Protein backbone atom coordinates (compact mmCIF):
# COMPACT_ATOMS: atom_id res chain seq x y z
CA UNK A 1 18.44 33.39 -9.83
CA UNK A 2 16.20 35.82 -7.99
CA UNK A 3 13.42 34.68 -5.66
CA UNK A 4 10.57 35.78 -7.90
CA UNK A 5 11.91 33.89 -10.92
CA UNK A 6 12.56 30.81 -8.79
CA UNK A 7 8.97 30.94 -7.39
CA UNK A 8 7.63 31.36 -10.96
CA UNK A 9 9.61 28.37 -12.21
CA UNK A 10 8.55 26.21 -9.25
CA UNK A 11 4.89 27.20 -9.89
CA UNK A 12 5.18 26.31 -13.62
CA UNK A 13 6.71 22.95 -12.68
CA UNK A 14 3.90 22.32 -10.13
CA UNK A 15 1.27 23.11 -12.79
CA UNK A 16 2.91 20.79 -15.21
CA UNK A 17 2.91 18.01 -12.54
CA UNK A 18 -0.80 18.50 -11.96
CA UNK A 19 -1.49 18.42 -15.73
CA UNK A 20 0.57 15.23 -16.00
CA UNK A 21 -1.29 13.58 -13.10
CA UNK A 22 -4.54 14.68 -14.71
CA UNK A 23 -3.60 12.91 -17.92
CA UNK A 24 -2.48 9.83 -15.97
CA UNK A 25 -5.67 9.29 -13.98
CA UNK A 26 -5.06 5.55 -14.57
CA UNK A 27 -2.21 5.76 -12.04
CA UNK A 28 -3.79 4.96 -8.68
CA UNK A 29 -2.80 6.88 -5.52
CA UNK A 30 -1.79 3.56 -3.83
CA UNK A 31 0.64 2.91 -6.68
CA UNK A 32 2.11 6.37 -6.25
CA UNK A 33 2.42 5.83 -2.50
CA UNK A 34 4.13 2.44 -2.98
CA UNK A 35 6.63 3.74 -5.43
CA UNK A 36 7.30 7.32 -4.37
CA UNK A 37 5.99 7.68 -0.80
CA UNK A 38 3.49 10.41 -1.80
CA UNK A 39 0.30 10.69 -3.81
CA UNK A 40 -2.26 13.22 -4.91
CA UNK A 41 -3.70 13.42 -1.44
CA UNK A 42 -0.27 14.27 -0.03
CA UNK A 43 0.03 17.08 -2.63
CA UNK A 44 -3.38 18.36 -1.59
CA UNK A 45 -2.34 18.28 2.12
CA UNK A 46 0.93 20.12 1.30
CA UNK A 47 -1.09 22.72 -0.68
CA UNK A 48 -3.50 23.20 2.16
CA UNK A 49 -0.68 23.49 4.71
CA UNK A 50 1.04 26.13 2.56
CA UNK A 51 -2.22 28.10 2.25
CA UNK A 52 -2.88 27.93 5.97
CA UNK A 53 0.77 28.98 6.74
CA UNK A 54 -0.05 32.23 4.78
CA UNK A 55 -3.35 32.85 6.65
CA UNK A 56 -5.56 31.52 3.84
CA UNK A 57 -8.48 29.42 5.12
CA UNK A 58 -8.61 26.17 3.21
CA UNK A 59 -10.00 22.78 4.14
CA UNK A 60 -9.02 19.35 2.90
CA UNK A 61 -11.79 19.14 0.30
CA UNK A 62 -10.91 22.59 -1.28
CA UNK A 63 -7.28 21.60 -1.48
CA UNK A 64 -8.15 18.24 -3.07
CA UNK A 65 -10.29 19.97 -5.65
CA UNK A 66 -7.19 22.09 -6.65
CA UNK A 67 -5.05 18.94 -7.11
CA UNK A 68 -7.68 16.67 -8.61
CA UNK A 69 -9.30 19.32 -10.83
CA UNK A 70 -12.74 18.33 -9.53
CA UNK A 71 -14.37 17.32 -6.27
CA UNK A 72 -12.51 14.35 -4.76
CA UNK A 73 -15.68 12.23 -4.62
CA UNK A 74 -16.17 12.74 -8.29
CA UNK A 75 -12.61 11.82 -9.12
CA UNK A 76 -12.82 8.68 -6.92
CA UNK A 77 -16.07 7.64 -8.62
CA UNK A 78 -14.61 8.19 -12.09
CA UNK A 79 -11.03 6.87 -11.73
CA UNK A 80 -10.30 5.02 -8.46
CA UNK A 81 -10.17 1.22 -8.52
CA UNK A 82 -10.07 -1.18 -5.58
CA UNK A 83 -6.57 -2.05 -4.48
CA UNK A 84 -5.53 -5.67 -4.92
CA UNK A 85 -3.79 -7.78 -2.26
CA UNK A 86 -0.32 -7.03 -3.64
CA UNK A 87 -0.93 -3.27 -3.65
CA UNK A 88 -2.32 -3.38 -0.11
CA UNK A 89 0.66 -5.40 1.14
CA UNK A 90 3.16 -3.01 -0.55
CA UNK A 91 1.33 -0.08 0.98
CA UNK A 92 1.54 -1.57 4.44
CA UNK A 93 5.26 -2.11 4.04
CA UNK A 94 5.82 1.41 2.66
CA UNK A 95 3.71 2.95 5.38
CA UNK A 96 5.65 1.11 8.09
CA UNK A 97 8.95 2.33 6.58
CA UNK A 98 7.72 5.96 6.52
CA UNK A 99 6.06 6.11 9.94
CA UNK A 100 7.50 9.00 11.91
CA UNK A 101 8.80 10.82 8.81
CA UNK A 102 7.20 14.15 8.22
CA UNK A 103 6.39 14.87 4.61
């Protein structure tokens, strides 16, 4: 497979992932972190890092808007719920296991 086709396929898969996450706004970031070790905020950070590596100026809020499909504050107000004690405990455990690992 040539590089252009591979890039196009990866981009299509990424767009499908974003569409899926948009449909599943009921899934909280903390749940994603606890199960997978990454969340929407991680995706936005990776997106921002990739842009900056290519000389494209992008801040955290602009990258989050790409991933969330709206300003992050709006998404939080519309979809984010408070984490319960079990979620918070699982997050602390997952975070401790992943400290020092670069995403």
